[in-house]
Amino acid sequence: MAEVTRKDVEHVARLARLEVTSEEAEDLTKYFGDILSHFQKLEEADLSDMDPFGIENAEARPLREDVLSQENRREAILREAPLREGDYIRVPRIMEEA
């Protein structure tokens, strides 16, 4: 599996429009590297005898009832938006017009 580099972290931060200090970039490089190493360990696990669709103790899991709600949350959501234009949430442009 590929290794996470500082350049990768800076690239992702730029895509997410995050300001990352040099120290934070180093910390994040190690953090994401640790996450990838956990995935490498998972890849090593022998799952050949496992049914990918098998569910053990399915009847022991409680199911919740589907409840129809007529609640209109539009105003509550729009109140939380940083920029609002009428009934829409305004977001910054991220692509140039063609």
PDB file of N, CA and C in Angstrom:
ATOM      1  N   MET A   1       0.854  -1.172   0.000  1.00  0.00           N
ATOM      2  CA  MET A   1       0.000   0.000   0.000  1.00  0.00           C
ATOM      3  C   MET A   1       0.901   1.236   0.000  1.00  0.00           C
ATOM      4  N   ALA A   2       0.450   2.271  -0.662  1.00  0.00           N
ATOM      5  CA  ALA A   2       1.232   3.492  -0.780  1.00  0.00           C
ATOM      6  C   ALA A   2       1.388   4.182   0.570  1.00  0.00           C
ATOM      7  N   GLU A   3       2.427   4.953   0.659  1.00  0.00           N
ATOM      8  CA  GLU A   3       2.715   5.707   1.876  1.00  0.00           C
ATOM      9  C   GLU A   3       2.170   7.128   1.732  1.00  0.00           C
ATOM     10  N   VAL A   4       1.705   7.694   2.808  1.00  0.00           N
ATOM     11  CA  VAL A   4       1.207   9.074   2.794  1.00  0.00           C
ATOM     12  C   VAL A   4       2.398  10.006   2.962  1.00  0.00           C
ATOM     13  N   THR A   5       2.496  10.960   2.061  1.00  0.00           N
ATOM     14  CA  THR A   5       3.591  11.928   2.136  1.00  0.00           C
ATOM     15  C   THR A   5       3.059  13.286   2.579  1.00  0.00           C
ATOM     16  N   ARG A   6       3.973  14.122   2.957  1.00  0.00           N
ATOM     17  CA  ARG A   6       3.591  15.488   3.346  1.00  0.00           C
ATOM     18  C   ARG A   6       2.943  16.207   2.160  1.00  0.00           C
ATOM     19  N   LYS A   7       3.460  15.925   0.974  1.00  0.00           N
ATOM     20  CA  LYS A   7       2.903  16.522  -0.241  1.00  0.00           C
ATOM     21  C   LYS A   7       1.436  16.103  -0.409  1.00  0.00           C
ATOM     22  N   ASP A   8       1.102  14.831  -0.100  1.00  0.00           N
ATOM     23  CA  ASP A   8      -0.287  14.357  -0.170  1.00  0.00           C
ATOM     24  C   ASP A   8      -1.172  15.139   0.796  1.00  0.00           C
ATOM     25  N   VAL A   9      -0.685  15.323   2.011  1.00  0.00           N
ATOM     26  CA  VAL A   9      -1.455  16.039   3.034  1.00  0.00           C
ATOM     27  C   VAL A   9      -1.690  17.482   2.605  1.00  0.00           C
ATOM     28  N   GLU A  10      -0.676  18.131   2.083  1.00  0.00           N
ATOM     29  CA  GLU A  10      -0.815  19.525   1.645  1.00  0.00           C
ATOM     30  C   GLU A  10      -1.782  19.622   0.466  1.00  0.00           C
ATOM     31  N   HIS A  11      -1.743  18.628  -0.424  1.00  0.00           N
ATOM     32  CA  HIS A  11      -2.652  18.614  -1.570  1.00  0.00           C
ATOM     33  C   HIS A  11      -4.106  18.479  -1.112  1.00  0.00           C
ATOM     34  N   VAL A  12      -4.373  17.545  -0.206  1.00  0.00           N
ATOM     35  CA  VAL A  12      -5.728  17.347   0.301  1.00  0.00           C
ATOM     36  C   VAL A  12      -6.203  18.583   1.063  1.00  0.00           C
ATOM     37  N   ALA A  13      -5.316  19.188   1.830  1.00  0.00           N
ATOM     38  CA  ALA A  13      -5.675  20.406   2.569  1.00  0.00           C
ATOM     39  C   ALA A  13      -6.049  21.523   1.600  1.00  0.00           C
ATOM     40  N   ARG A  14      -5.296  21.630   0.512  1.00  0.00           N
ATOM     41  CA  ARG A  14      -5.602  22.659  -0.480  1.00  0.00           C
ATOM     42  C   ARG A  14      -6.957  22.382  -1.131  1.00  0.00           C
ATOM     43  N   LEU A  15      -7.244  21.118  -1.452  1.00  0.00           N
ATOM     44  CA  LEU A  15      -8.540  20.768  -2.045  1.00  0.00           C
ATOM     45  C   LEU A  15      -9.690  21.067  -1.090  1.00  0.00           C
ATOM     46  N   ALA A  16      -9.451  20.850   0.205  1.00  0.00           N
ATOM     47  CA  ALA A  16     -10.482  21.094   1.216  1.00  0.00           C
ATOM     48  C   ALA A  16     -10.492  22.549   1.664  1.00  0.00           C
ATOM     49  N   ARG A  17      -9.618  23.343   1.078  1.00  0.00           N
ATOM     50  CA  ARG A  17      -9.500  24.763   1.429  1.00  0.00           C
ATOM     51  C   ARG A  17      -9.218  24.962   2.907  1.00  0.00           C
ATOM     52  N   LEU A  18      -8.269  24.162   3.404  1.00  0.00           N
ATOM     53  CA  LEU A  18      -7.852  24.258   4.796  1.00  0.00           C
ATOM     54  C   LEU A  18      -6.456  24.838   4.868  1.00  0.00           C
ATOM     55  N   GLU A  19      -6.247  25.696   5.835  1.00  0.00           N
ATOM     56  CA  GLU A  19      -4.900  26.202   6.088  1.00  0.00           C
ATOM     57  C   GLU A  19      -4.235  25.271   7.081  1.00  0.00           C
ATOM     58  N   VAL A  20      -3.117  24.686   6.677  1.00  0.00           N
ATOM     59  CA  VAL A  20      -2.410  23.731   7.513  1.00  0.00           C
ATOM     60  C   VAL A  20      -0.987  24.242   7.719  1.00  0.00           C
ATOM     61  N   THR A  21      -0.595  24.378   8.985  1.00  0.00           N
ATOM     62  CA  THR A  21       0.768  24.816   9.272  1.00  0.00           C
ATOM     63  C   THR A  21       1.741  23.678   8.987  1.00  0.00           C
ATOM     64  N   SER A  22       3.003  24.006   8.954  1.00  0.00           N
ATOM     65  CA  SER A  22       4.036  23.000   8.711  1.00  0.00           C
ATOM     66  C   SER A  22       3.995  21.911   9.772  1.00  0.00           C
ATOM     67  N   GLU A  23       3.816  22.316  11.026  1.00  0.00           N
ATOM     68  CA  GLU A  23       3.751  21.350  12.130  1.00  0.00           C
ATOM     69  C   GLU A  23       2.517  20.457  12.002  1.00  0.00           C
ATOM     70  N   GLU A  24       1.372  21.058  11.645  1.00  0.00           N
ATOM     71  CA  GLU A  24       0.146  20.278  11.464  1.00  0.00           C
ATOM     72  C   GLU A  24       0.288  19.289  10.316  1.00  0.00           C
ATOM     73  N   ALA A  25       0.960  19.718   9.238  1.00  0.00           N
ATOM     74  CA  ALA A  25       1.160  18.829   8.093  1.00  0.00           C
ATOM     75  C   ALA A  25       1.978  17.607   8.502  1.00  0.00           C
ATOM     76  N   GLU A  26       2.995  17.818   9.322  1.00  0.00           N
ATOM     77  CA  GLU A  26       3.804  16.692   9.802  1.00  0.00           C
ATOM     78  C   GLU A  26       2.965  15.748  10.653  1.00  0.00           C
ATOM     79  N   ASP A  27       2.179  16.309  11.567  1.00  0.00           N
ATOM     80  CA  ASP A  27       1.323  15.491  12.432  1.00  0.00           C
ATOM     81  C   ASP A  27       0.294  14.708  11.616  1.00  0.00           C
ATOM     82  N   LEU A  28      -0.314  15.383  10.635  1.00  0.00           N
ATOM     83  CA  LEU A  28      -1.321  14.723   9.808  1.00  0.00           C
ATOM     84  C   LEU A  28      -0.704  13.632   8.936  1.00  0.00           C
ATOM     85  N   THR A  29       0.511  13.841   8.467  1.00  0.00           N
ATOM     86  CA  THR A  29       1.194  12.822   7.670  1.00  0.00           C
ATOM     87  C   THR A  29       1.353  11.551   8.486  1.00  0.00           C
ATOM     88  N   LYS A  30       1.777  11.687   9.730  1.00  0.00           N
ATOM     89  CA  LYS A  30       1.932  10.525  10.600  1.00  0.00           C
ATOM     90  C   LYS A  30       0.562   9.907  10.903  1.00  0.00           C
ATOM     91  N   TYR A  31      -0.417  10.739  11.204  1.00  0.00           N
ATOM     92  CA  TYR A  31      -1.764  10.262  11.547  1.00  0.00           C
ATOM     93  C   TYR A  31      -2.359   9.445  10.401  1.00  0.00           C
ATOM     94  N   PHE A  32      -2.314   9.995   9.178  1.00  0.00           N
ATOM     95  CA  PHE A  32      -2.877   9.279   8.037  1.00  0.00           C
ATOM     96  C   PHE A  32      -2.044   8.044   7.697  1.00  0.00           C
ATOM     97  N   GLY A  33      -0.749   8.103   7.928  1.00  0.00           N
ATOM     98  CA  GLY A  33       0.097   6.931   7.730  1.00  0.00           C
ATOM     99  C   GLY A  33      -0.293   5.804   8.673  1.00  0.00           C
ATOM    100  N   ASP A  34      -0.599   6.157   9.923  1.00  0.00           N
ATOM    101  CA  ASP A  34      -1.044   5.159  10.899  1.00  0.00           C
ATOM    102  C   ASP A  34      -2.371   4.522  10.468  1.00  0.00           C
ATOM    103  N   ILE A  35      -3.272   5.334   9.937  1.00  0.00           N
ATOM    104  CA  ILE A  35      -4.552   4.809   9.461  1.00  0.00           C
ATOM    105  C   ILE A  35      -4.321   3.813   8.325  1.00  0.00           C
ATOM    106  N   LEU A  36      -3.445   4.173   7.381  1.00  0.00           N
ATOM    107  CA  LEU A  36      -3.171   3.256   6.273  1.00  0.00           C
ATOM    108  C   LEU A  36      -2.528   1.971   6.751  1.00  0.00           C
ATOM    109  N   SER A  37      -1.693   2.047   7.779  1.00  0.00           N
ATOM    110  CA  SER A  37      -1.065   0.825   8.289  1.00  0.00           C
ATOM    111  C   SER A  37      -2.116  -0.101   8.911  1.00  0.00           C
ATOM    112  N   HIS A  38      -3.146   0.471   9.520  1.00  0.00           N
ATOM    113  CA  HIS A  38      -4.239  -0.360  10.054  1.00  0.00           C
ATOM    114  C   HIS A  38      -4.970  -1.067   8.913  1.00  0.00           C
ATOM    115  N   PHE A  39      -5.174  -0.375   7.793  1.00  0.00           N
ATOM    116  CA  PHE A  39      -5.808  -1.004   6.642  1.00  0.00           C
ATOM    117  C   PHE A  39      -4.932  -2.118   6.076  1.00  0.00           C
ATOM    118  N   GLN A  40      -3.625  -1.925   6.100  1.00  0.00           N
ATOM    119  CA  GLN A  40      -2.726  -2.988   5.644  1.00  0.00           C
ATOM    120  C   GLN A  40      -2.886  -4.229   6.517  1.00  0.00           C
ATOM    121  N   LYS A  41      -3.016  -4.051   7.817  1.00  0.00           N
ATOM    122  CA  LYS A  41      -3.224  -5.188   8.709  1.00  0.00           C
ATOM    123  C   LYS A  41      -4.546  -5.874   8.398  1.00  0.00           C
ATOM    124  N   LEU A  42      -5.589  -5.101   8.094  1.00  0.00           N
ATOM    125  CA  LEU A  42      -6.881  -5.684   7.749  1.00  0.00           C
ATOM    126  C   LEU A  42      -6.805  -6.492   6.451  1.00  0.00           C
ATOM    127  N   GLU A  43      -6.003  -6.011   5.499  1.00  0.00           N
ATOM    128  CA  GLU A  43      -5.857  -6.732   4.236  1.00  0.00           C
ATOM    129  C   GLU A  43      -5.217  -8.097   4.445  1.00  0.00           C
ATOM    130  N   GLU A  44      -4.410  -8.242   5.489  1.00  0.00           N
ATOM    131  CA  GLU A  44      -3.719  -9.493   5.762  1.00  0.00           C
ATOM    132  C   GLU A  44      -4.634 -10.536   6.393  1.00  0.00           C
ATOM    133  N   ALA A  45      -5.769 -10.137   6.887  1.00  0.00           N
ATOM    134  CA  ALA A  45      -6.682 -11.073   7.547  1.00  0.00           C
ATOM    135  C   ALA A  45      -7.266 -12.055   6.536  1.00  0.00           C
ATOM    136  N   ASP A  46      -7.307 -13.332   6.904  1.00  0.00           N
ATOM    137  CA  ASP A  46      -7.861 -14.372   6.051  1.00  0.00           C
ATOM    138  C   ASP A  46      -9.380 -14.426   6.253  1.00  0.00           C
ATOM    139  N   LEU A  47     -10.097 -13.974   5.256  1.00  0.00           N
ATOM    140  CA  LEU A  47     -11.557 -13.948   5.328  1.00  0.00           C
ATOM    141  C   LEU A  47     -12.175 -14.895   4.313  1.00  0.00           C
ATOM    142  N   SER A  48     -11.390 -15.829   3.812  1.00  0.00           N
ATOM    143  CA  SER A  48     -11.865 -16.712   2.752  1.00  0.00           C
ATOM    144  C   SER A  48     -13.044 -17.577   3.189  1.00  0.00           C
ATOM    145  N   ASP A  49     -13.146 -17.906   4.474  1.00  0.00           N
ATOM    146  CA  ASP A  49     -14.244 -18.744   4.937  1.00  0.00           C
ATOM    147  C   ASP A  49     -15.432 -17.934   5.464  1.00  0.00           C
ATOM    148  N   MET A  50     -15.406 -16.628   5.276  1.00  0.00           N
ATOM    149  CA  MET A  50     -16.481 -15.762   5.762  1.00  0.00           C
ATOM    150  C   MET A  50     -17.490 -15.499   4.646  1.00  0.00           C
ATOM    151  N   ASP A  51     -18.765 -15.518   5.000  1.00  0.00           N
ATOM    152  CA  ASP A  51     -19.823 -15.152   4.061  1.00  0.00           C
ATOM    153  C   ASP A  51     -19.986 -13.632   4.133  1.00  0.00           C
ATOM    154  N   PRO A  52     -19.688 -12.911   3.044  1.00  0.00           N
ATOM    155  CA  PRO A  52     -19.762 -11.442   3.099  1.00  0.00           C
ATOM    156  C   PRO A  52     -21.168 -10.916   3.346  1.00  0.00           C
ATOM    157  N   PHE A  53     -22.179 -11.756   3.093  1.00  0.00           N
ATOM    158  CA  PHE A  53     -23.552 -11.317   3.285  1.00  0.00           C
ATOM    159  C   PHE A  53     -24.195 -11.962   4.507  1.00  0.00           C
ATOM    160  N   GLY A  54     -23.423 -12.727   5.243  1.00  0.00           N
ATOM    161  CA  GLY A  54     -23.957 -13.398   6.420  1.00  0.00           C
ATOM    162  C   GLY A  54     -24.155 -12.436   7.573  1.00  0.00           C
ATOM    163  N   ILE A  55     -25.256 -12.583   8.254  1.00  0.00           N
ATOM    164  CA  ILE A  55     -25.538 -11.750   9.416  1.00  0.00           C
ATOM    165  C   ILE A  55     -25.790 -12.684  10.589  1.00  0.00           C
ATOM    166  N   GLU A  56     -24.924 -12.590  11.565  1.00  0.00           N
ATOM    167  CA  GLU A  56     -25.104 -13.415  12.754  1.00  0.00           C
ATOM    168  C   GLU A  56     -26.044 -12.710  13.726  1.00  0.00           C
ATOM    169  N   ASN A  57     -26.883 -13.451  14.356  1.00  0.00           N
ATOM    170  CA  ASN A  57     -27.811 -12.928  15.366  1.00  0.00           C
ATOM    171  C   ASN A  57     -28.690 -11.804  14.827  1.00  0.00           C
ATOM    172  N   ALA A  58     -29.167 -11.961  13.615  1.00  0.00           N
ATOM    173  CA  ALA A  58     -30.002 -10.913  13.010  1.00  0.00           C
ATOM    174  C   ALA A  58     -31.269 -10.676  13.821  1.00  0.00           C
ATOM    175  N   GLU A  59     -31.811 -11.755  14.390  1.00  0.00           N
ATOM    176  CA  GLU A  59     -33.051 -11.569  15.154  1.00  0.00           C
ATOM    177  C   GLU A  59     -32.812 -10.877  16.489  1.00  0.00           C
ATOM    178  N   ALA A  60     -31.570 -10.792  16.928  1.00  0.00           N
ATOM    179  CA  ALA A  60     -31.270 -10.141  18.204  1.00  0.00           C
ATOM    180  C   ALA A  60     -31.172  -8.623  18.060  1.00  0.00           C
ATOM    181  N   ARG A  61     -31.121  -8.134  16.824  1.00  0.00           N
ATOM    182  CA  ARG A  61     -31.004  -6.693  16.611  1.00  0.00           C
ATOM    183  C   ARG A  61     -32.389  -6.055  16.563  1.00  0.00           C
ATOM    184  N   PRO A  62     -32.642  -5.108  17.438  1.00  0.00           N
ATOM    185  CA  PRO A  62     -33.964  -4.472  17.425  1.00  0.00           C
ATOM    186  C   PRO A  62     -34.113  -3.557  16.218  1.00  0.00           C
ATOM    187  N   LEU A  63     -35.269  -3.558  15.631  1.00  0.00           N
ATOM    188  CA  LEU A  63     -35.558  -2.683  14.504  1.00  0.00           C
ATOM    189  C   LEU A  63     -36.447  -1.554  14.985  1.00  0.00           C
ATOM    190  N   ARG A  64     -36.240  -0.390  14.439  1.00  0.00           N
ATOM    191  CA  ARG A  64     -37.091   0.727  14.822  1.00  0.00           C
ATOM    192  C   ARG A  64     -38.229   0.844  13.819  1.00  0.00           C
ATOM    193  N   GLU A  65     -39.310   1.412  14.269  1.00  0.00           N
ATOM    194  CA  GLU A  65     -40.453   1.616  13.398  1.00  0.00           C
ATOM    195  C   GLU A  65     -40.183   2.774  12.461  1.00  0.00           C
ATOM    196  N   ASP A  66     -40.651   2.652  11.222  1.00  0.00           N
ATOM    197  CA  ASP A  66     -40.593   3.777  10.298  1.00  0.00           C
ATOM    198  C   ASP A  66     -41.720   4.724  10.662  1.00  0.00           C
ATOM    199  N   VAL A  67     -41.367   5.970  10.913  1.00  0.00           N
ATOM    200  CA  VAL A  67     -42.361   6.949  11.315  1.00  0.00           C
ATOM    201  C   VAL A  67     -42.355   8.081  10.297  1.00  0.00           C
ATOM    202  N   LEU A  68     -43.497   8.344   9.721  1.00  0.00           N
ATOM    203  CA  LEU A  68     -43.635   9.426   8.765  1.00  0.00           C
ATOM    204  C   LEU A  68     -43.710  10.746   9.510  1.00  0.00           C
ATOM    205  N   SER A  69     -42.912  11.699   9.079  1.00  0.00           N
ATOM    206  CA  SER A  69     -42.896  12.998   9.739  1.00  0.00           C
ATOM    207  C   SER A  69     -43.226  14.075   8.718  1.00  0.00           C
ATOM    208  N   GLN A  70     -44.113  14.952   9.071  1.00  0.00           N
ATOM    209  CA  GLN A  70     -44.479  16.063   8.197  1.00  0.00           C
ATOM    210  C   GLN A  70     -43.693  17.332   8.550  1.00  0.00           C
ATOM    211  N   GLU A  71     -42.748  17.180   9.438  1.00  0.00           N
ATOM    212  CA  GLU A  71     -41.988  18.328   9.905  1.00  0.00           C
ATOM    213  C   GLU A  71     -41.201  18.960   8.757  1.00  0.00           C
ATOM    214  N   ASN A  72     -41.335  20.253   8.597  1.00  0.00           N
ATOM    215  CA  ASN A  72     -40.591  20.981   7.575  1.00  0.00           C
ATOM    216  C   ASN A  72     -39.397  21.643   8.255  1.00  0.00           C
ATOM    217  N   ARG A  73     -38.222  21.170   7.948  1.00  0.00           N
ATOM    218  CA  ARG A  73     -37.018  21.670   8.603  1.00  0.00           C
ATOM    219  C   ARG A  73     -36.272  22.687   7.750  1.00  0.00           C
ATOM    220  N   ARG A  74     -36.870  23.123   6.657  1.00  0.00           N
ATOM    221  CA  ARG A  74     -36.174  24.028   5.742  1.00  0.00           C
ATOM    222  C   ARG A  74     -35.686  25.289   6.460  1.00  0.00           C
ATOM    223  N   GLU A  75     -36.564  25.950   7.201  1.00  0.00           N
ATOM    224  CA  GLU A  75     -36.183  27.191   7.879  1.00  0.00           C
ATOM    225  C   GLU A  75     -35.086  26.946   8.911  1.00  0.00           C
ATOM    226  N   ALA A  76     -35.176  25.863   9.653  1.00  0.00           N
ATOM    227  CA  ALA A  76     -34.154  25.556  10.662  1.00  0.00           C
ATOM    228  C   ALA A  76     -32.797  25.346   9.995  1.00  0.00           C
ATOM    229  N   ILE A  77     -32.790  24.664   8.868  1.00  0.00           N
ATOM    230  CA  ILE A  77     -31.538  24.419   8.151  1.00  0.00           C
ATOM    231  C   ILE A  77     -31.012  25.714   7.562  1.00  0.00           C
ATOM    232  N   LEU A  78     -31.877  26.494   6.938  1.00  0.00           N
ATOM    233  CA  LEU A  78     -31.443  27.758   6.334  1.00  0.00           C
ATOM    234  C   LEU A  78     -30.926  28.749   7.370  1.00  0.00           C
ATOM    235  N   ARG A  79     -31.474  28.717   8.579  1.00  0.00           N
ATOM    236  CA  ARG A  79     -30.982  29.610   9.646  1.00  0.00           C
ATOM    237  C   ARG A  79     -29.532  29.304   9.999  1.00  0.00           C
ATOM    238  N   GLU A  80     -29.128  28.045   9.861  1.00  0.00           N
ATOM    239  CA  GLU A  80     -27.774  27.634  10.210  1.00  0.00           C
ATOM    240  C   GLU A  80     -26.761  27.886   9.090  1.00  0.00           C
ATOM    241  N   ALA A  81     -27.232  28.182   7.889  1.00  0.00           N
ATOM    242  CA  ALA A  81     -26.333  28.382   6.749  1.00  0.00           C
ATOM    243  C   ALA A  81     -25.523  29.662   6.920  1.00  0.00           C
ATOM    244  N   PRO A  82     -24.230  29.624   6.603  1.00  0.00           N
ATOM    245  CA  PRO A  82     -23.415  30.829   6.741  1.00  0.00           C
ATOM    246  C   PRO A  82     -23.823  31.920   5.748  1.00  0.00           C
ATOM    247  N   LEU A  83     -24.218  31.539   4.539  1.00  0.00           N
ATOM    248  CA  LEU A  83     -24.684  32.496   3.542  1.00  0.00           C
ATOM    249  C   LEU A  83     -26.015  31.998   2.988  1.00  0.00           C
ATOM    250  N   ARG A  84     -26.990  32.893   2.971  1.00  0.00           N
ATOM    251  CA  ARG A  84     -28.325  32.507   2.513  1.00  0.00           C
ATOM    252  C   ARG A  84     -28.791  33.504   1.480  1.00  0.00           C
ATOM    253  N   GLU A  85     -29.455  32.976   0.447  1.00  0.00           N
ATOM    254  CA  GLU A  85     -30.045  33.833  -0.573  1.00  0.00           C
ATOM    255  C   GLU A  85     -31.461  33.338  -0.817  1.00  0.00           C
ATOM    256  N   GLY A  86     -32.428  33.964  -0.164  1.00  0.00           N
ATOM    257  CA  GLY A  86     -33.816  33.511  -0.263  1.00  0.00           C
ATOM    258  C   GLY A  86     -33.972  32.144   0.383  1.00  0.00           C
ATOM    259  N   ASP A  87     -34.482  31.186  -0.390  1.00  0.00           N
ATOM    260  CA  ASP A  87     -34.662  29.818   0.102  1.00  0.00           C
ATOM    261  C   ASP A  87     -33.491  28.911  -0.273  1.00  0.00           C
ATOM    262  N   TYR A  88     -32.332  29.506  -0.590  1.00  0.00           N
ATOM    263  CA  TYR A  88     -31.176  28.726  -1.014  1.00  0.00           C
ATOM    264  C   TYR A  88     -29.970  29.010  -0.118  1.00  0.00           C
ATOM    265  N   ILE A  89     -29.084  28.038  -0.046  1.00  0.00           N
ATOM    266  CA  ILE A  89     -27.813  28.216   0.655  1.00  0.00           C
ATOM    267  C   ILE A  89     -26.785  28.613  -0.392  1.00  0.00           C
ATOM    268  N   ARG A  90     -26.122  29.713  -0.158  1.00  0.00           N
ATOM    269  CA  ARG A  90     -25.115  30.200  -1.104  1.00  0.00           C
ATOM    270  C   ARG A  90     -23.765  29.596  -0.723  1.00  0.00           C
ATOM    271  N   VAL A  91     -23.068  29.054  -1.724  1.00  0.00           N
ATOM    272  CA  VAL A  91     -21.755  28.451  -1.495  1.00  0.00           C
ATOM    273  C   VAL A  91     -20.740  29.115  -2.415  1.00  0.00           C
ATOM    274  N   PRO A  92     -19.454  29.095  -2.038  1.00  0.00           N
ATOM    275  CA  PRO A  92     -18.442  29.710  -2.897  1.00  0.00           C
ATOM    276  C   PRO A  92     -18.261  28.933  -4.199  1.00  0.00           C
ATOM    277  N   ARG A  93     -17.989  29.658  -5.273  1.00  0.00           N
ATOM    278  CA  ARG A  93     -17.738  29.038  -6.571  1.00  0.00           C
ATOM    279  C   ARG A  93     -16.416  28.291  -6.482  1.00  0.00           C
ATOM    280  N   ILE A  94     -16.399  27.055  -7.003  1.00  0.00           N
ATOM    281  CA  ILE A  94     -15.153  26.292  -6.968  1.00  0.00           C
ATOM    282  C   ILE A  94     -14.654  25.945  -8.365  1.00  0.00           C
ATOM    283  N   MET A  95     -15.485  26.186  -9.381  1.00  0.00           N
ATOM    284  CA  MET A  95     -15.075  25.888 -10.758  1.00  0.00           C
ATOM    285  C   MET A  95     -15.291  27.123 -11.616  1.00  0.00           C
ATOM    286  N   GLU A  96     -14.434  27.264 -12.594  1.00  0.00           N
ATOM    287  CA  GLU A  96     -14.579  28.365 -13.541  1.00  0.00           C
ATOM    288  C   GLU A  96     -15.668  28.018 -14.544  1.00  0.00           C
ATOM    289  N   GLU A  97     -16.348  29.037 -15.063  1.00  0.00           N
ATOM    290  CA  GLU A  97     -17.344  28.785 -16.097  1.00  0.00           C
ATOM    291  C   GLU A  97     -16.645  28.404 -17.383  1.00  0.00           C
ATOM    292  N   ALA A  98     -17.251  27.488 -18.130  1.00  0.00           N
ATOM    293  CA  ALA A  98     -16.634  27.014 -19.387  1.00  0.00           C
ATOM    294  C   ALA A  98     -16.833  28.003 -20.492  1.00  0.00           C
TER     295      ALA A  98
END
